[in-house]
Every structure is written in structure tokens, then in C-alpha cells.
Amino acid sequence: MGKGGQGSDAAAAEENMAAWLVAKNTLKIMPFKLPPLGPYDVRVRMKAVGICGSDVHYLREMRIAHFVVKEPMVIGHECAGVVEEVGGGVTHLSPGDRVALEPGVSCWRCRHCKGGRYNLCEDMKFFATPPVHGSLAHQVVHPADLCFKLPDGVSLEEGAMCEPLSVGVHACRRAGVGPETAVLVLGAGPIGLVALLAARAFGAPRVVVVDVDEHRLGVAASLGAHAAVKVSTDAAAGVVAAEVERVRAAMGGDVDVTLDCAGFSKTVATALAATRPGGKVCLVGMGHNEMTVPLTSAAIREVDVVGVFRYKDTWPLCIEFLRSGKVDVKPLITHRFGFSQREVEEAFEVSARGRDAIKVMFNL
């Protein structure tokens, strides 16, 4: 029995419930049987769980790319909670600790894991990526080394926001963002906004954000964007060229790094054209699987193109950014819901609708 054994009887008496994706546009709160607690696991009572765009996509389509939901699956992966029980081999956590959970469990045996790029592990088991169950539940069991203790002053909601913030942090690392890097962010959705916050925290002296939506641009400006540029959805070459000139004018100089947080043909074309010779384009968003983009003109200017997939080793830095105040994610949390059947359905509707909803958060 784990060190938190006193809580075990109470936990056994109380049935664990979770939000299950059972069919297209159908979520049901149903019992969720937890796996046994391993020696290096912890059982965590979930307190804050955010809705990600991928959660909404699974709800609408039952698939993302080659990940297909073939049987009912517990949804959710942006999460934080309170440790209730620890395995016998766990020494750095105790019952009562508040923790943020990194949702991906890699194999630690393959070349990617051994080389330090565990986010590329082909045997990754990631919350709410089929067939792995997620974390929108009263309790989950998770490896202790993927549960990061939150310092006093960092809330559980902020802990849950470490997951989306990690995408921005990983993108900035991949693109080499620093105090000498002028950064262009394409897209002011949730990921574009955390990329903006991360770029500022990494010391970028100027960050310009581009989007088609006036409201989202206003949010970006309130979060510290030095300029916000509204563009159109027109992908004609002449329109892109004119918009690139407006972006450069807003930047007031070269664009060293572009973080494309949308991932459409037009945004990639804009990124390649706007970034200075020798600069970097980081592909963060995945709007289109296939696209036609003007690569040759970027190649002859030696614009490097790098991709990102999720993140690696980001939670300690995210937590430090939150603790120190270098990053404030609280304004991103626009809607809060409890954990009832009605509220779960309503929360996903609000998140899918977009508009003024940036991050929808469950408080369990």
C-alpha cells in the first residue's frame, strides 16, 4: 500500500467519475475505474482541467489525423490537482501536494527518449489521445515524475495552464527566441497567445501578432504584444505581399523569428515571406495537413523551417515563469464550469464556439 494509504478506503468507497467521449458530439459522465497504483505512481484528485482545441476536434470528428477514437475514451489533458496517495517508491511528493501533470508518458527506451527528445517517442501514451484515457475525471493515476509540485502563489488553474504554455515555451526554444530576437506570431488563438507570452518571457524585445479577428488582436495587445495587425483570409499572392509589408512596418525592422500558430497555406506563405534572410520559421499550428507554399524563395534566403510536436522538459520552466510573474496566464481563462453532465456539455459548446472564449476551465 502507498504512503497515502489512509485515503485509500475513502477513495474505494467513492466511485470515480469521468467525462467520456462515447460518440460524435456526445460526452457522458460515467464511472472510470483507475489502474492499480504502481510503486512510482501517484493518485491525484483533479481540481482544474482546461479544454484544448484537440479535445473539441475529437468531440466533433472522433479523430485527429491518424489518431482515431474507436471506443469510449475519457477526454482532457490540461490538468492539475492534489496528490491523494503515493506509491511506495515515491519520495518527492506527499499526499496534499498540489501538482501540475505533464500528460505524455514516453517509453524511455527508444532512441528519441534516450537522445532527450522524448516528445517524439513513437510509443508515447498521452492523455486523451486514443486509445489512452484522459484526465477530465475526479481522480487519475499518473507517474510521479510527471507530476510537478506547484509553489505557493501558483494556483491549480495556472498549473493546468502549464500544458498549453509548454507549447509556446517549446516553440521558443526550437526557434532560438531570446533578447535579440524580434518575433512575429501568426494567429491569436490560445496557442498564439501563449506563444506571445512565452516570447516575452524569453526576452524578445518586440513581438507582433497577426490575426483575422479584431477581438483576439485586442487580447494580444492587452497581453503585451507590441503591435497587432489585422489581416484577411485572402491568400492571393498580391494580398500576402501587401500584408507582409504592413507586418514589417509594424515590426519596425527585421522579423528574426516567425511562430506560425495557425498552420494554413496562407500563414506559412506569410511566415516565409516576412522572415528575414537567415531567420527562422517555426511551424506550431496544424491547420492543414497538406499545403502548397513558396519554398524556393525562402530557401534562397536561407530561412530555416523547424517544426514542433508538443513539448519536452518544459514544466519546471513554465512553473518558474508563473511563480516569478514573468508570465501571467490568468487573463486567458475566460470561462469556468463545474463538473456536471450539463456543465460539461455547455463548456464544450462554449469552447467550440470560440468568439470571446479563449480557455475554458473546469473546476472539479
Protein backbone atom coordinates (compact mmCIF):
# COMPACT_ATOMS: atom_id res chain seq x y z
CA MET A 1 0.00 0.00 0.00
CA GLY A 2 1.19 3.54 -0.79
CA LYS A 3 2.14 6.14 1.78
CA GLY A 4 -1.23 7.77 1.36
CA GLY A 5 -2.93 4.54 2.37
CA GLN A 6 -5.31 6.22 4.79
CA GLY A 7 -7.09 7.81 1.85
CA SER A 8 -7.45 4.51 0.02
CA ASP A 9 -10.56 3.25 1.83
CA ALA A 10 -12.38 6.53 1.26
CA ALA A 11 -11.33 6.52 -2.39
CA ALA A 12 -12.58 2.95 -2.79
CA ALA A 13 -15.93 3.86 -1.27
CA GLU A 14 -16.39 6.77 -3.66
CA GLU A 15 -16.90 5.85 -7.30
CA ASN A 16 -14.54 7.69 -9.62
CA MET A 17 -16.40 9.52 -12.39
CA ALA A 18 -15.05 10.90 -15.66
CA ALA A 19 -16.22 12.63 -18.84
CA TRP A 20 -16.27 10.00 -21.58
CA LEU A 21 -16.33 10.70 -25.31
CA VAL A 22 -18.76 8.00 -26.47
CA ALA A 23 -19.77 9.16 -29.98
CA LYS A 24 -19.62 12.23 -32.22
CA ASN A 25 -20.82 15.26 -30.25
CA THR A 26 -21.65 13.04 -27.26
CA LEU A 27 -19.97 13.25 -23.85
CA LYS A 28 -21.24 11.32 -20.84
CA ILE A 29 -20.13 11.39 -17.21
CA MET A 30 -19.70 7.73 -16.28
CA PRO A 31 -17.66 5.63 -13.84
CA PHE A 32 -13.91 5.39 -14.57
CA LYS A 33 -12.01 2.53 -12.97
CA LEU A 34 -8.44 3.51 -12.15
CA PRO A 35 -5.47 1.22 -12.71
CA PRO A 36 -3.66 -0.07 -9.60
CA LEU A 37 -1.15 2.34 -8.07
CA GLY A 38 2.38 1.34 -9.09
CA PRO A 39 5.41 1.95 -6.83
CA TYR A 40 6.37 5.11 -8.76
CA ASP A 41 2.83 6.39 -9.38
CA VAL A 42 0.61 8.87 -7.59
CA ARG A 43 -3.16 9.11 -7.40
CA VAL A 44 -4.25 12.68 -7.99
CA ARG A 45 -7.63 14.29 -7.33
CA MET A 46 -8.22 16.56 -10.31
CA LYS A 47 -9.06 20.16 -9.44
CA ALA A 48 -8.57 22.11 -12.69
CA VAL A 49 -8.87 20.80 -16.25
CA GLY A 50 -8.81 23.00 -19.37
CA ILE A 51 -10.38 22.34 -22.75
CA CYS A 52 -7.95 22.22 -25.69
CA GLY A 53 -8.82 22.60 -29.36
CA SER A 54 -7.85 18.96 -29.85
CA ASP A 55 -10.48 17.90 -27.28
CA VAL A 56 -13.12 19.78 -29.27
CA HIS A 57 -11.85 18.26 -32.53
CA TYR A 58 -12.12 14.72 -31.13
CA LEU A 59 -15.65 15.51 -29.95
CA ARG A 60 -16.67 16.78 -33.39
CA GLU A 61 -14.82 14.28 -35.61
CA MET A 62 -13.79 11.33 -33.36
CA ARG A 63 -10.33 11.58 -34.89
CA ILE A 64 -7.30 13.82 -35.47
CA ALA A 65 -5.11 12.75 -38.39
CA HIS A 66 -4.33 9.05 -37.84
CA PHE A 67 -5.47 9.08 -34.19
CA VAL A 68 -8.98 7.58 -34.27
CA VAL A 69 -11.36 7.15 -31.32
CA LYS A 70 -12.57 3.55 -31.78
CA GLU A 71 -14.09 3.01 -28.32
CA PRO A 72 -15.27 5.30 -25.50
CA MET A 73 -12.42 7.46 -24.16
CA VAL A 74 -12.05 9.81 -21.20
CA ILE A 75 -11.32 13.32 -22.54
CA GLY A 76 -8.99 16.07 -21.26
CA HIS A 77 -5.24 16.60 -20.83
CA GLU A 78 -4.60 20.12 -19.45
CA CYS A 79 -4.75 19.47 -15.75
CA ALA A 80 -3.67 19.99 -12.16
CA GLY A 81 -4.80 18.56 -8.86
CA VAL A 82 -3.93 17.41 -5.36
CA VAL A 83 -1.98 14.24 -4.57
CA GLU A 84 -4.09 11.78 -2.56
CA GLU A 85 -1.87 8.70 -2.50
CA VAL A 86 1.73 7.93 -3.46
CA GLY A 87 3.41 4.67 -4.43
CA GLY A 88 5.98 3.14 -2.09
CA GLY A 89 8.92 4.26 -4.24
CA VAL A 90 7.87 7.92 -4.48
CA THR A 91 9.99 10.23 -2.32
CA HIS A 92 9.50 13.75 -3.73
CA LEU A 93 5.71 14.00 -3.36
CA SER A 94 3.32 13.53 -0.45
CA PRO A 95 -0.47 13.47 -0.05
CA GLY A 96 -1.76 17.04 -0.05
CA ASP A 97 0.81 18.36 -2.55
CA ARG A 98 -0.66 20.46 -5.36
CA VAL A 99 0.73 19.34 -8.72
CA ALA A 100 0.57 20.09 -12.44
CA LEU A 101 0.58 16.99 -14.63
CA GLU A 102 2.58 16.52 -17.81
CA PRO A 103 0.20 14.37 -19.87
CA GLY A 104 2.57 12.29 -22.00
CA VAL A 105 4.21 9.08 -20.76
CA SER A 106 7.07 8.05 -23.05
CA CYS A 107 8.85 4.69 -23.16
CA TRP A 108 12.33 5.94 -22.06
CA ARG A 109 13.89 3.13 -24.12
CA CYS A 110 13.81 4.28 -27.75
CA ARG A 111 16.47 6.39 -29.45
CA HIS A 112 14.31 9.53 -29.21
CA CYS A 113 13.84 9.14 -25.47
CA LYS A 114 17.48 8.28 -24.87
CA GLY A 115 18.52 11.24 -27.02
CA GLY A 116 16.45 13.62 -24.91
CA ARG A 117 13.66 14.19 -27.44
CA TYR A 118 11.07 12.10 -25.67
CA ASN A 119 8.21 14.09 -27.21
CA LEU A 120 8.96 12.21 -30.46
CA CYS A 121 8.63 8.78 -28.80
CA GLU A 122 6.60 6.50 -31.06
CA ASP A 123 5.26 4.65 -28.03
CA MET A 124 4.04 7.81 -26.28
CA LYS A 125 0.94 7.34 -24.12
CA PHE A 126 -0.68 10.75 -23.96
CA PHE A 127 -3.81 11.72 -22.03
CA ALA A 128 -6.90 11.70 -24.30
CA THR A 129 -5.04 10.60 -27.42
CA PRO A 130 -6.71 7.31 -28.37
CA PRO A 131 -6.61 4.70 -27.03
CA VAL A 132 -5.26 6.39 -23.84
CA HIS A 133 -7.78 7.83 -21.39
CA GLY A 134 -7.53 11.48 -20.36
CA SER A 135 -7.83 13.45 -17.15
CA LEU A 136 -11.30 15.05 -17.01
CA ALA A 137 -12.15 12.87 -14.02
CA HIS A 138 -12.36 13.07 -10.27
CA GLN A 139 -9.13 11.10 -9.94
CA VAL A 140 -6.33 9.77 -12.13
CA VAL A 141 -3.23 7.64 -11.58
CA HIS A 142 -0.06 9.06 -13.16
CA PRO A 143 3.73 8.59 -12.94
CA ALA A 144 5.08 10.67 -10.07
CA ASP A 145 7.98 12.02 -12.17
CA LEU A 146 5.42 13.67 -14.48
CA CYS A 147 3.70 15.46 -11.58
CA PHE A 148 5.28 18.81 -10.73
CA LYS A 149 4.75 20.43 -7.37
CA LEU A 150 3.22 23.90 -7.53
CA PRO A 151 4.74 26.58 -5.30
CA ASP A 152 2.61 28.73 -3.01
CA GLY A 153 1.11 31.55 -5.02
CA VAL A 154 0.62 29.49 -8.19
CA SER A 155 -2.99 28.34 -8.42
CA LEU A 156 -4.24 24.97 -9.64
CA GLU A 157 -5.81 26.69 -12.67
CA GLU A 158 -2.41 28.17 -13.51
CA GLY A 159 -0.95 24.70 -13.04
CA ALA A 160 -3.36 23.33 -15.64
CA MET A 161 -2.29 26.15 -17.99
CA CYS A 162 1.30 24.81 -17.92
CA GLU A 163 0.24 22.41 -20.69
CA PRO A 164 -0.69 24.98 -23.36
CA LEU A 165 2.08 27.32 -22.13
CA SER A 166 4.53 24.44 -22.71
CA VAL A 167 3.74 24.54 -26.42
CA GLY A 168 4.80 28.21 -26.56
CA VAL A 169 7.92 27.54 -24.48
CA HIS A 170 8.95 24.60 -26.67
CA ALA A 171 8.37 26.67 -29.83
CA CYS A 172 10.54 29.50 -28.49
CA ARG A 173 13.31 27.04 -27.63
CA ARG A 174 13.14 25.41 -31.07
CA ALA A 175 13.25 28.81 -32.77
CA GLY A 176 16.02 30.20 -30.56
CA VAL A 177 13.98 33.15 -29.23
CA GLY A 178 15.97 35.46 -26.97
CA PRO A 179 16.73 39.10 -26.11
CA GLU A 180 17.95 39.82 -29.65
CA THR A 181 15.03 38.17 -31.46
CA ALA A 182 12.16 40.16 -32.97
CA VAL A 183 9.24 37.72 -33.10
CA LEU A 184 6.19 37.57 -35.34
CA VAL A 185 3.29 35.43 -34.09
CA LEU A 186 0.71 34.37 -36.67
CA GLY A 187 -2.62 33.53 -35.05
CA ALA A 188 -4.04 34.91 -31.82
CA GLY A 189 -5.90 31.83 -30.67
CA PRO A 190 -4.99 30.15 -27.37
CA ILE A 191 -1.67 28.79 -28.69
CA GLY A 192 -0.73 32.05 -30.41
CA LEU A 193 -1.39 33.91 -27.17
CA VAL A 194 0.75 31.56 -25.05
CA ALA A 195 3.46 31.83 -27.74
CA LEU A 196 3.30 35.61 -27.30
CA LEU A 197 3.60 35.25 -23.50
CA ALA A 198 6.49 32.81 -23.86
CA ALA A 199 8.35 35.00 -26.36
CA ARG A 200 8.08 37.97 -23.99
CA ALA A 201 9.33 35.79 -21.10
CA PHE A 202 12.29 34.63 -23.21
CA GLY A 203 13.24 38.28 -23.60
CA ALA A 204 12.08 39.04 -27.15
CA PRO A 205 12.42 42.83 -27.47
CA ARG A 206 9.50 43.13 -29.90
CA VAL A 207 6.58 40.80 -30.62
CA VAL A 208 4.00 41.49 -33.33
CA VAL A 209 0.81 39.40 -33.51
CA VAL A 210 -1.27 38.89 -36.66
CA ASP A 211 -4.83 37.57 -36.88
CA VAL A 212 -8.09 37.98 -38.82
CA ASP A 213 -10.12 38.63 -35.66
CA GLU A 214 -10.28 42.08 -34.08
CA HIS A 215 -11.23 40.79 -30.61
CA ARG A 216 -8.35 38.32 -30.44
CA LEU A 217 -5.93 41.04 -31.54
CA GLY A 218 -7.22 43.20 -28.72
CA VAL A 219 -6.49 40.39 -26.27
CA ALA A 220 -2.98 40.04 -27.74
CA ALA A 221 -2.37 43.76 -27.25
CA SER A 222 -3.57 43.55 -23.65
CA LEU A 223 -1.14 40.66 -23.04
CA GLY A 224 1.86 42.66 -24.19
CA ALA A 225 2.05 42.44 -27.99
CA HIS A 226 3.94 45.50 -29.24
CA ALA A 227 1.70 45.65 -32.30
CA ALA A 228 -1.37 43.79 -33.55
CA VAL A 229 -2.01 43.57 -37.29
CA LYS A 230 -5.37 42.56 -38.74
CA VAL A 231 -5.18 40.62 -42.00
CA SER A 232 -7.68 38.96 -44.32
CA THR A 233 -8.27 35.33 -45.28
CA ASP A 234 -7.47 36.18 -48.93
CA ALA A 235 -4.47 34.04 -49.94
CA ALA A 236 -3.76 35.77 -53.27
CA ALA A 237 -0.05 36.42 -53.73
CA GLY A 238 -0.56 40.18 -54.07
CA VAL A 239 -2.59 40.33 -50.86
CA VAL A 240 0.02 38.33 -48.95
CA ALA A 241 2.79 40.62 -50.23
CA ALA A 242 0.89 43.75 -49.14
CA GLU A 243 0.17 42.28 -45.71
CA VAL A 244 3.81 41.29 -45.27
CA GLU A 245 4.78 44.92 -45.85
CA ARG A 246 2.31 46.02 -43.16
CA VAL A 247 3.75 43.43 -40.77
CA ARG A 248 7.32 44.63 -41.41
CA ALA A 249 6.22 48.22 -40.85
CA ALA A 250 4.59 47.22 -37.56
CA MET A 251 7.77 45.42 -36.52
CA GLY A 252 9.85 48.49 -37.40
CA GLY A 253 12.69 46.27 -38.62
CA ASP A 254 13.53 42.69 -39.47
CA VAL A 255 11.44 39.71 -38.40
CA ASP A 256 14.01 37.32 -36.94
CA VAL A 257 11.63 34.52 -36.00
CA THR A 258 8.07 33.75 -37.03
CA LEU A 259 5.93 31.40 -34.95
CA ASP A 260 3.07 30.20 -37.16
CA CYS A 261 0.39 29.18 -34.68
CA ALA A 262 -2.31 28.65 -37.32
CA GLY A 263 -0.78 26.28 -39.87
CA PHE A 264 -2.63 27.20 -43.06
CA SER A 265 -1.20 27.63 -46.55
CA LYS A 266 -1.59 31.39 -46.28
CA THR A 267 0.02 31.71 -42.86
CA VAL A 268 3.01 29.59 -43.88
CA ALA A 269 3.42 31.66 -47.06
CA THR A 270 3.22 34.83 -44.94
CA ALA A 271 5.77 33.46 -42.46
CA LEU A 272 8.25 32.52 -45.18
CA ALA A 273 7.93 35.91 -46.88
CA ALA A 274 8.03 38.03 -43.73
CA THR A 275 11.02 36.40 -42.05
CA ARG A 276 14.39 37.98 -42.79
CA PRO A 277 17.15 36.14 -44.71
CA GLY A 278 18.80 33.72 -42.28
CA GLY A 279 15.84 33.85 -39.92
CA LYS A 280 13.65 31.03 -38.64
CA VAL A 281 10.07 29.96 -39.20
CA CYS A 282 8.62 27.66 -36.54
CA LEU A 283 5.53 25.67 -37.51
CA VAL A 284 3.39 25.37 -34.38
CA GLY A 285 -0.21 25.22 -35.62
CA MET A 286 -1.50 22.33 -37.71
CA GLY A 287 -4.47 23.77 -39.59
CA HIS A 288 -3.77 22.00 -42.87
CA ASN A 289 -2.23 18.55 -43.33
CA GLU A 290 -1.04 19.35 -46.85
CA MET A 291 -0.35 22.74 -48.39
CA THR A 292 1.30 24.48 -51.31
CA VAL A 293 3.78 27.13 -50.19
CA PRO A 294 6.52 29.21 -51.92
CA LEU A 295 9.55 27.37 -50.51
CA THR A 296 12.09 28.25 -53.20
CA SER A 297 12.18 31.97 -52.44
CA ALA A 298 12.62 31.14 -48.74
CA ALA A 299 15.35 28.58 -49.49
CA ILE A 300 17.48 31.04 -51.44
CA ARG A 301 17.25 33.42 -48.46
CA GLU A 302 18.29 30.55 -46.13
CA VAL A 303 15.17 30.81 -44.00
CA ASP A 304 15.20 27.81 -41.67
CA VAL A 305 11.91 25.98 -41.13
CA VAL A 306 11.51 23.97 -37.92
CA GLY A 307 8.54 22.02 -36.62
CA VAL A 308 7.29 21.42 -33.11
CA PHE A 309 5.37 18.50 -31.70
CA ARG A 310 4.01 19.07 -28.23
CA TYR A 311 6.99 19.80 -25.90
CA LYS A 312 9.73 18.30 -23.75
CA ASP A 313 11.05 19.20 -20.30
CA THR A 314 9.01 22.40 -20.07
CA TRP A 315 7.05 22.14 -16.79
CA PRO A 316 9.82 23.36 -14.45
CA LEU A 317 10.38 26.49 -16.58
CA CYS A 318 6.64 27.13 -17.01
CA ILE A 319 6.13 26.90 -13.25
CA GLU A 320 9.04 29.28 -12.66
CA PHE A 321 7.63 31.75 -15.20
CA LEU A 322 4.31 31.64 -13.32
CA ARG A 323 5.91 31.86 -9.86
CA SER A 324 8.10 34.81 -10.81
CA GLY A 325 5.34 36.69 -12.60
CA LYS A 326 7.22 36.68 -15.91
CA VAL A 327 4.13 35.04 -17.39
CA ASP A 328 0.53 35.71 -16.35
CA VAL A 329 -1.87 33.16 -17.84
CA LYS A 330 -4.85 34.17 -15.71
CA PRO A 331 -6.34 36.55 -18.33
CA LEU A 332 -6.52 33.63 -20.78
CA ILE A 333 -9.05 31.78 -18.60
CA THR A 334 -12.30 33.31 -19.82
CA HIS A 335 -14.92 30.73 -18.79
CA ARG A 336 -15.29 28.37 -15.83
CA PHE A 337 -17.59 25.40 -15.32
CA GLY A 338 -18.25 22.74 -12.70
CA PHE A 339 -18.30 19.02 -13.35
CA SER A 340 -21.90 18.00 -14.07
CA GLN A 341 -23.35 16.48 -17.25
CA ARG A 342 -24.99 19.77 -18.19
CA GLU A 343 -21.91 21.87 -17.45
CA VAL A 344 -19.57 19.55 -19.38
CA GLU A 345 -21.79 19.78 -22.46
CA GLU A 346 -22.14 23.56 -22.13
CA ALA A 347 -18.41 24.06 -21.60
CA PHE A 348 -17.52 22.23 -24.79
CA GLU A 349 -20.15 24.22 -26.72
CA VAL A 350 -18.65 27.47 -25.44
CA SER A 351 -15.11 26.33 -26.31
CA ALA A 352 -16.14 25.18 -29.81
CA ARG A 353 -17.98 28.43 -30.50
CA GLY A 354 -14.81 30.45 -29.99
CA ARG A 355 -15.64 34.16 -30.15
CA ASP A 356 -14.65 35.57 -26.76
CA ALA A 357 -13.77 32.13 -25.31
CA ILE A 358 -10.03 31.62 -25.03
CA LYS A 359 -9.52 28.99 -22.32
CA VAL A 360 -12.49 27.18 -20.84
CA MET A 361 -11.65 25.65 -17.46
CA PHE A 362 -13.37 23.02 -15.33
CA ASN A 363 -13.18 23.38 -11.55
CA LEU A 364 -13.73 19.95 -10.04
